[in-house]
C-alpha atoms as a PDB file:
ATOM      1  CA  MET A   1    -155.758  70.707  25.156  1.00  0.00           C
ATOM      2  CA  ILE A   2    -155.168  66.954  24.850  1.00  0.00           C
ATOM      3  CA  GLN A   3    -154.529  65.131  28.138  1.00  0.00           C
ATOM      4  CA  THR A   4    -152.032  62.279  27.790  1.00  0.00           C
ATOM      5  CA  PHE A   5    -149.957  59.818  29.789  1.00  0.00           C
ATOM      6  CA  CYS A   6    -146.237  59.354  29.148  1.00  0.00           C
ATOM      7  CA  PHE A   7    -144.501  56.141  30.295  1.00  0.00           C
ATOM      8  CA  LEU A   8    -140.724  56.550  30.504  1.00  0.00           C
ATOM      9  CA  ASP A   9    -137.815  54.162  31.010  1.00  0.00           C
ATOM     10  CA  GLU A  10    -134.036  54.394  30.787  1.00  0.00           C
ATOM     11  CA  SER A  11    -131.384  51.922  29.645  1.00  0.00           C
ATOM     12  CA  GLY A  12    -127.680  51.768  30.330  1.00  0.00           C
ATOM     13  CA  ILE A  13    -125.443  53.366  32.933  1.00  0.00           C
ATOM     14  CA  LEU A  14    -124.224  56.956  32.736  1.00  0.00           C
ATOM     15  CA  ASP A  15    -120.589  56.020  33.102  1.00  0.00           C
ATOM     16  CA  ALA A  16    -118.183  56.157  30.174  1.00  0.00           C
ATOM     17  CA  THR A  17    -115.724  53.913  32.063  1.00  0.00           C
ATOM     18  CA  ASN A  18    -118.189  50.985  31.994  1.00  0.00           C
ATOM     19  CA  ILE A  19    -116.848  48.965  29.056  1.00  0.00           C
ATOM     20  CA  GLN A  20    -119.923  46.712  29.011  1.00  0.00           C
ATOM     21  CA  THR A  21    -122.292  49.586  28.284  1.00  0.00           C
ATOM     22  CA  ARG A  22    -121.841  51.691  25.169  1.00  0.00           C
ATOM     23  CA  TYR A  23    -125.114  53.601  25.192  1.00  0.00           C
ATOM     24  CA  PHE A  24    -127.314  55.397  27.656  1.00  0.00           C
ATOM     25  CA  ALA A  25    -130.847  55.947  26.424  1.00  0.00           C
ATOM     26  CA  ILE A  26    -134.198  57.234  27.598  1.00  0.00           C
ATOM     27  CA  GLY A  27    -137.387  56.192  25.850  1.00  0.00           C
ATOM     28  CA  ALA A  28    -141.068  56.898  26.363  1.00  0.00           C
ATOM     29  CA  ILE A  29    -144.463  55.750  25.141  1.00  0.00           C
ATOM     30  CA  LEU A  30    -147.126  58.447  25.055  1.00  0.00           C
ATOM     31  CA  HIS A  31    -150.837  57.631  24.890  1.00  0.00           C
ATOM     32  CA  PRO A  32    -153.944  59.799  25.387  1.00  0.00           C
ATOM     33  CA  TRP A  33    -156.235  56.961  26.554  1.00  0.00           C
ATOM     34  CA  PRO A  34    -154.219  53.820  27.337  1.00  0.00           C
ATOM     35  CA  ASP A  35    -156.849  51.799  29.245  1.00  0.00           C
ATOM     36  CA  GLU A  36    -157.844  49.423  26.425  1.00  0.00           C
ATOM     37  CA  LEU A  37    -154.236  48.890  25.402  1.00  0.00           C
ATOM     38  CA  ILE A  38    -153.289  48.041  28.985  1.00  0.00           C
ATOM     39  CA  ILE A  39    -156.181  45.564  29.248  1.00  0.00           C
ATOM     40  CA  GLN A  40    -154.945  43.736  26.145  1.00  0.00           C
ATOM     41  CA  LEU A  41    -151.337  43.717  27.352  1.00  0.00           C
ATOM     42  CA  HIS A  42    -152.402  42.471  30.777  1.00  0.00           C
ATOM     43  CA  GLN A  43    -153.914  39.363  29.214  1.00  0.00           C
ATOM     44  CA  ILE A  44    -150.551  38.605  27.631  1.00  0.00           C
ATOM     45  CA  PHE A  45    -148.866  39.270  30.972  1.00  0.00           C
ATOM     46  CA  GLU A  46    -151.143  36.680  32.595  1.00  0.00           C
ATOM     47  CA  ASP A  47    -150.173  34.231  29.847  1.00  0.00           C
ATOM     48  CA  LEU A  48    -146.497  34.986  30.554  1.00  0.00           C
ATOM     49  CA  CYS A  49    -146.971  34.263  34.269  1.00  0.00           C
ATOM     50  CA  ASN A  50    -148.667  30.965  33.463  1.00  0.00           C
ATOM     51  CA  LYS A  51    -146.057  29.927  30.922  1.00  0.00           C
ATOM     52  CA  LEU A  52    -143.121  30.741  33.199  1.00  0.00           C
ATOM     53  CA  LYS A  53    -144.969  29.537  36.324  1.00  0.00           C
ATOM     54  CA  LYS A  54    -144.155  32.718  38.237  1.00  0.00           C
ATOM     55  CA  GLU A  55    -146.134  34.957  40.547  1.00  0.00           C
ATOM     56  CA  PRO A  56    -147.191  38.275  38.933  1.00  0.00           C
ATOM     57  CA  SER A  57    -145.323  40.211  41.617  1.00  0.00           C
ATOM     58  CA  ARG A  58    -142.074  38.554  40.533  1.00  0.00           C
ATOM     59  CA  LEU A  59    -142.345  39.078  36.816  1.00  0.00           C
ATOM     60  CA  GLU A  60    -142.381  41.830  34.200  1.00  0.00           C
ATOM     61  CA  PHE A  61    -141.746  42.290  30.498  1.00  0.00           C
ATOM     62  CA  LYS A  62    -138.081  43.228  30.171  1.00  0.00           C
ATOM     63  CA  PHE A  63    -135.867  43.108  27.097  1.00  0.00           C
ATOM     64  CA  SER A  64    -132.916  41.625  28.986  1.00  0.00           C
ATOM     65  CA  GLU A  65    -135.077  38.706  30.153  1.00  0.00           C
ATOM     66  CA  ILE A  66    -136.508  37.552  26.809  1.00  0.00           C
ATOM     67  CA  THR A  67    -136.023  33.801  26.363  1.00  0.00           C
ATOM     68  CA  LYS A  68    -136.959  31.275  23.695  1.00  0.00           C
ATOM     69  CA  LEU A  69    -139.929  30.271  25.844  1.00  0.00           C
ATOM     70  CA  SER A  70    -141.237  33.809  26.363  1.00  0.00           C
ATOM     71  CA  LEU A  71    -140.391  35.200  22.895  1.00  0.00           C
ATOM     72  CA  PRO A  72    -143.814  34.440  21.318  1.00  0.00           C
ATOM     73  CA  LEU A  73    -145.577  36.448  24.033  1.00  0.00           C
ATOM     74  CA  TYR A  74    -143.193  39.390  23.609  1.00  0.00           C
ATOM     75  CA  LYS A  75    -143.954  39.290  19.883  1.00  0.00           C
ATOM     76  CA  THR A  76    -147.662  39.321  20.675  1.00  0.00           C
ATOM     77  CA  CYS A  77    -147.143  42.511  22.680  1.00  0.00           C
ATOM     78  CA  VAL A  78    -145.614  44.101  19.589  1.00  0.00           C
ATOM     79  CA  GLU A  79    -148.609  43.006  17.527  1.00  0.00           C
ATOM     80  CA  ILE A  80    -150.956  44.568  20.062  1.00  0.00           C
ATOM     81  CA  LEU A  81    -148.984  47.808  19.871  1.00  0.00           C
ATOM     82  CA  LEU A  82    -149.152  47.722  16.080  1.00  0.00           C
ATOM     83  CA  ASN A  83    -152.947  47.456  16.176  1.00  0.00           C
ATOM     84  CA  ASP A  84    -153.304  50.489  18.432  1.00  0.00           C
ATOM     85  CA  GLN A  85    -153.205  53.738  16.463  1.00  0.00           C
ATOM     86  CA  ASP A  86    -152.976  56.241  19.307  1.00  0.00           C
ATOM     87  CA  TRP A  87    -149.567  55.780  20.951  1.00  0.00           C
ATOM     88  CA  ARG A  88    -146.158  57.023  19.889  1.00  0.00           C
ATOM     89  CA  PHE A  89    -142.633  56.193  21.043  1.00  0.00           C
ATOM     90  CA  PHE A  90    -139.663  58.527  21.226  1.00  0.00           C
ATOM     91  CA  SER A  91    -136.159  58.097  22.577  1.00  0.00           C
ATOM     92  CA  VAL A  92    -132.764  59.742  22.915  1.00  0.00           C
ATOM     93  CA  VAL A  93    -129.556  57.695  22.635  1.00  0.00           C
ATOM     94  CA  ILE A  94    -126.157  58.857  23.891  1.00  0.00           C
ATOM     95  CA  ASP A  95    -122.942  57.122  22.818  1.00  0.00           C
ATOM     96  CA  LEU A  96    -120.896  56.993  26.010  1.00  0.00           C
ATOM     97  CA  ARG A  97    -117.716  56.220  24.051  1.00  0.00           C
ATOM     98  CA  ASP A  98    -117.965  59.357  21.953  1.00  0.00           C
ATOM     99  CA  PRO A  99    -114.926  61.445  22.974  1.00  0.00           C
ATOM    100  CA  LYS A 100    -117.075  64.589  22.759  1.00  0.00           C
ATOM    101  CA  PHE A 101    -119.428  63.332  25.446  1.00  0.00           C
ATOM    102  CA  GLU A 102    -118.511  64.800  28.819  1.00  0.00           C
ATOM    103  CA  ALA A 103    -119.283  61.895  31.107  1.00  0.00           C
ATOM    104  CA  PRO A 104    -120.526  62.625  34.636  1.00  0.00           C
ATOM    105  CA  THR A 105    -118.047  61.596  37.303  1.00  0.00           C
ATOM    106  CA  ASN A 106    -120.126  61.225  40.473  1.00  0.00           C
ATOM    107  CA  PRO A 107    -123.681  60.197  41.450  1.00  0.00           C
ATOM    108  CA  GLN A 108    -124.900  63.806  41.627  1.00  0.00           C
ATOM    109  CA  GLN A 109    -123.666  64.580  38.103  1.00  0.00           C
ATOM    110  CA  LYS A 110    -125.152  61.326  36.771  1.00  0.00           C
ATOM    111  CA  TRP A 111    -128.549  62.199  38.233  1.00  0.00           C
ATOM    112  CA  GLU A 112    -128.474  65.722  36.846  1.00  0.00           C
ATOM    113  CA  CYS A 113    -127.417  64.367  33.436  1.00  0.00           C
ATOM    114  CA  TYR A 114    -130.359  61.955  33.479  1.00  0.00           C
ATOM    115  CA  LEU A 115    -132.783  64.754  34.364  1.00  0.00           C
ATOM    116  CA  ARG A 116    -131.322  67.044  31.713  1.00  0.00           C
ATOM    117  CA  TRP A 117    -131.756  64.505  28.929  1.00  0.00           C
ATOM    118  CA  ALA A 118    -135.216  63.514  30.120  1.00  0.00           C
ATOM    119  CA  LYS A 119    -136.117  67.203  29.958  1.00  0.00           C
ATOM    120  CA  ILE A 120    -134.659  67.613  26.454  1.00  0.00           C
ATOM    121  CA  LEU A 121    -136.395  64.474  25.202  1.00  0.00           C
ATOM    122  CA  LEU A 122    -139.770  65.670  26.462  1.00  0.00           C
ATOM    123  CA  GLN A 123    -139.283  69.224  25.222  1.00  0.00           C
ATOM    124  CA  LYS A 124    -138.505  67.953  21.722  1.00  0.00           C
ATOM    125  CA  ASN A 125    -141.365  65.477  21.512  1.00  0.00           C
ATOM    126  CA  LEU A 126    -144.350  66.744  23.485  1.00  0.00           C
ATOM    127  CA  LYS A 127    -146.746  68.777  21.376  1.00  0.00           C
ATOM    128  CA  ALA A 128    -147.805  72.262  22.406  1.00  0.00           C
ATOM    129  CA  GLU A 129    -151.437  71.182  22.733  1.00  0.00           C
ATOM    130  CA  GLU A 130    -150.648  68.209  25.001  1.00  0.00           C
ATOM    131  CA  LYS A 131    -150.856  68.157  28.793  1.00  0.00           C
ATOM    132  CA  THR A 132    -149.036  65.101  30.060  1.00  0.00           C
ATOM    133  CA  THR A 133    -148.740  63.079  33.243  1.00  0.00           C
ATOM    134  CA  LEU A 134    -145.278  61.498  33.279  1.00  0.00           C
ATOM    135  CA  ILE A 135    -144.927  58.011  34.791  1.00  0.00           C
ATOM    136  CA  ALA A 136    -141.251  57.062  34.931  1.00  0.00           C
ATOM    137  CA  ASP A 137    -139.317  54.010  36.013  1.00  0.00           C
ATOM    138  CA  TYR A 138    -137.844  54.577  39.465  1.00  0.00           C
ATOM    139  CA  LEU A 139    -134.270  55.828  39.542  1.00  0.00           C
ATOM    140  CA  ARG A 140    -132.761  56.560  42.931  1.00  0.00           C
ATOM    141  CA  ARG A 141    -131.912  60.200  43.557  1.00  0.00           C
ATOM    142  CA  PRO A 142    -128.486  60.607  45.213  1.00  0.00           C
ATOM    143  CA  LYS A 143    -127.927  62.600  48.365  1.00  0.00           C
ATOM    144  CA  GLY A 144    -126.601  66.111  48.107  1.00  0.00           C
ATOM    145  CA  GLU A 145    -127.570  69.273  46.270  1.00  0.00           C
ATOM    146  CA  VAL A 146    -129.462  67.965  43.249  1.00  0.00           C
ATOM    147  CA  HIS A 147    -132.736  68.736  41.542  1.00  0.00           C
ATOM    148  CA  SER A 148    -135.824  66.712  42.364  1.00  0.00           C
ATOM    149  CA  PHE A 149    -137.597  64.690  39.693  1.00  0.00           C
ATOM    150  CA  ALA A 150    -140.651  66.763  40.562  1.00  0.00           C
ATOM    151  CA  THR A 151    -138.983  69.890  39.151  1.00  0.00           C
ATOM    152  CA  LEU A 152    -139.446  68.682  35.560  1.00  0.00           C
ATOM    153  CA  PRO A 153    -142.861  70.400  35.109  1.00  0.00           C
ATOM    154  CA  LYS A 154    -141.144  73.713  35.838  1.00  0.00           C
ATOM    155  CA  VAL A 155    -139.005  73.365  32.709  1.00  0.00           C
ATOM    156  CA  VAL A 156    -141.383  71.341  30.492  1.00  0.00           C
ATOM    157  CA  PRO A 157    -144.658  73.322  30.318  1.00  0.00           C
ATOM    158  CA  GLN A 158    -146.614  70.419  28.812  1.00  0.00           C
ATOM    159  CA  LEU A 159    -146.072  68.293  31.931  1.00  0.00           C
ATOM    160  CA  TRP A 160    -149.104  68.228  34.196  1.00  0.00           C
ATOM    161  CA  ASP A 161    -147.470  66.115  36.882  1.00  0.00           C
ATOM    162  CA  VAL A 162    -144.743  63.487  37.334  1.00  0.00           C
ATOM    163  CA  ILE A 163    -144.263  60.354  39.390  1.00  0.00           C
ATOM    164  CA  GLN A 164    -141.602  57.667  39.619  1.00  0.00           C
ATOM    165  CA  VAL A 165    -142.753  54.056  39.970  1.00  0.00           C
ATOM    166  CA  GLU A 166    -141.306  50.553  40.063  1.00  0.00           C
ATOM    167  CA  SER A 167    -141.732  49.293  36.509  1.00  0.00           C
ATOM    168  CA  GLN A 168    -143.160  45.977  37.701  1.00  0.00           C
ATOM    169  CA  GLY A 169    -146.912  46.441  37.458  1.00  0.00           C
ATOM    170  CA  VAL A 170    -146.823  49.324  34.941  1.00  0.00           C
ATOM    171  CA  LEU A 171    -147.146  47.588  31.598  1.00  0.00           C
ATOM    172  CA  LEU A 172    -146.485  50.581  29.355  1.00  0.00           C
ATOM    173  CA  VAL A 173    -143.256  51.390  31.207  1.00  0.00           C
ATOM    174  CA  GLN A 174    -142.333  47.773  30.454  1.00  0.00           C
ATOM    175  CA  MET A 175    -143.263  48.256  26.797  1.00  0.00           C
ATOM    176  CA  ALA A 176    -140.973  51.288  26.690  1.00  0.00           C
ATOM    177  CA  ASP A 177    -138.225  49.028  28.060  1.00  0.00           C
ATOM    178  CA  ILE A 178    -138.609  46.360  25.390  1.00  0.00           C
ATOM    179  CA  LEU A 179    -138.826  48.866  22.523  1.00  0.00           C
ATOM    180  CA  LEU A 180    -135.788  50.727  23.828  1.00  0.00           C
ATOM    181  CA  GLY A 181    -133.851  47.524  24.428  1.00  0.00           C
ATOM    182  CA  ALA A 182    -134.572  46.177  20.965  1.00  0.00           C
ATOM    183  CA  SER A 183    -133.555  49.477  19.361  1.00  0.00           C
ATOM    184  CA  LEU A 184    -130.199  49.466  21.163  1.00  0.00           C
ATOM    185  CA  PHE A 185    -129.375  45.776  20.866  1.00  0.00           C
ATOM    186  CA  SER A 186    -126.367  44.890  18.693  1.00  0.00           C
ATOM    187  CA  GLY A 187    -125.452  41.458  20.054  1.00  0.00           C
ATOM    188  CA  VAL A 188    -125.727  37.944  18.609  1.00  0.00           C
ATOM    189  CA  ASP A 189    -128.186  36.284  20.987  1.00  0.00           C
ATOM    190  CA  ARG A 190    -130.593  34.604  18.563  1.00  0.00           C
ATOM    191  CA  VAL A 191    -133.709  35.200  20.626  1.00  0.00           C
ATOM    192  CA  LYS A 192    -133.007  38.893  21.069  1.00  0.00           C
ATOM    193  CA  VAL A 193    -132.025  39.238  17.392  1.00  0.00           C
ATOM    194  CA  GLU A 194    -135.386  37.736  16.434  1.00  0.00           C
ATOM    195  CA  PHE A 195    -137.244  40.091  18.737  1.00  0.00           C
ATOM    196  CA  LYS A 196    -135.286  43.067  17.388  1.00  0.00           C
ATOM    197  CA  LYS A 197    -136.447  42.084  13.893  1.00  0.00           C
ATOM    198  CA  LYS A 198    -140.036  42.133  15.159  1.00  0.00           C
ATOM    199  CA  VAL A 199    -139.606  45.631  16.577  1.00  0.00           C
ATOM    200  CA  ASN A 200    -137.956  46.764  13.340  1.00  0.00           C
ATOM    201  CA  GLU A 201    -141.014  45.482  11.454  1.00  0.00           C
ATOM    202  CA  LEU A 202    -143.182  47.553  13.775  1.00  0.00           C
ATOM    203  CA  ARG A 203    -141.034  50.617  13.186  1.00  0.00           C
ATOM    204  CA  SER A 204    -141.178  50.159   9.411  1.00  0.00           C
ATOM    205  CA  LYS A 205    -144.979  50.286   9.502  1.00  0.00           C
ATOM    206  CA  LEU A 206    -145.143  53.498  11.515  1.00  0.00           C
ATOM    207  CA  ASP A 207    -144.573  57.103  10.572  1.00  0.00           C
ATOM    208  CA  ARG A 208    -141.339  58.476  12.020  1.00  0.00           C
ATOM    209  CA  LYS A 209    -143.430  60.772  14.192  1.00  0.00           C
ATOM    210  CA  ARG A 210    -144.737  57.663  15.937  1.00  0.00           C
ATOM    211  CA  PHE A 211    -141.336  55.973  16.403  1.00  0.00           C
ATOM    212  CA  ASN A 212    -138.743  58.684  16.730  1.00  0.00           C
ATOM    213  CA  GLU A 213    -135.256  57.563  17.775  1.00  0.00           C
ATOM    214  CA  TRP A 214    -132.740  60.370  18.198  1.00  0.00           C
ATOM    215  CA  HIS A 215    -129.024  59.552  18.322  1.00  0.00           C
ATOM    216  CA  VAL A 216    -127.207  62.551  19.740  1.00  0.00           C
ATOM    217  CA  LYS A 217    -124.545  63.980  17.430  1.00  0.00           C
ATOM    218  CA  TRP A 218    -122.056  66.254  19.152  1.00  0.00           C
ATOM    219  CA  CYS A 219    -120.831  69.406  17.411  1.00  0.00           C
END
């Protein structure tokens, strides 16, 4: 049995009526022993704080916040990921404008939809011999009769335990954010286009098993 950590983030809003958001996606980085990787990324985070002159508690790596000034440090993070052989990234992408997608209509349905796709993503990508602790970006659970995030281990046998955290301070949740954001980006912002190219270079150098992006196709 291989013990691993899985760092999960989501992007987009589960609402097909939101014309600004076409996709909802969930992505995760899995690593069996992430300590050394985190140490290297933390050095770059300290450099980011110094460059932007911000307190660490007020800053995190986030795709939506990449600027011309911070771009070189985001690229360095990708280089650090490339030099580590033990992680893998997997994601699921849902096209909210697909007429076959049955969009949730209230907060309870949105939450259950998020849990369902997180479950499917993990079931499809966790190996039978892995036992994983899931560390996920915090998403508020609505009131009412809904499943708890803590029920995921009941339906995903490879999960050892789960916890939701604020992404600020959890560097590999932040790395999941920037990989997911770059994969989904289709705009014209030059800085983000350049970073997307960097992530595409990373993807091209990895086996698909290490960077597995699944776009849902409805029957």
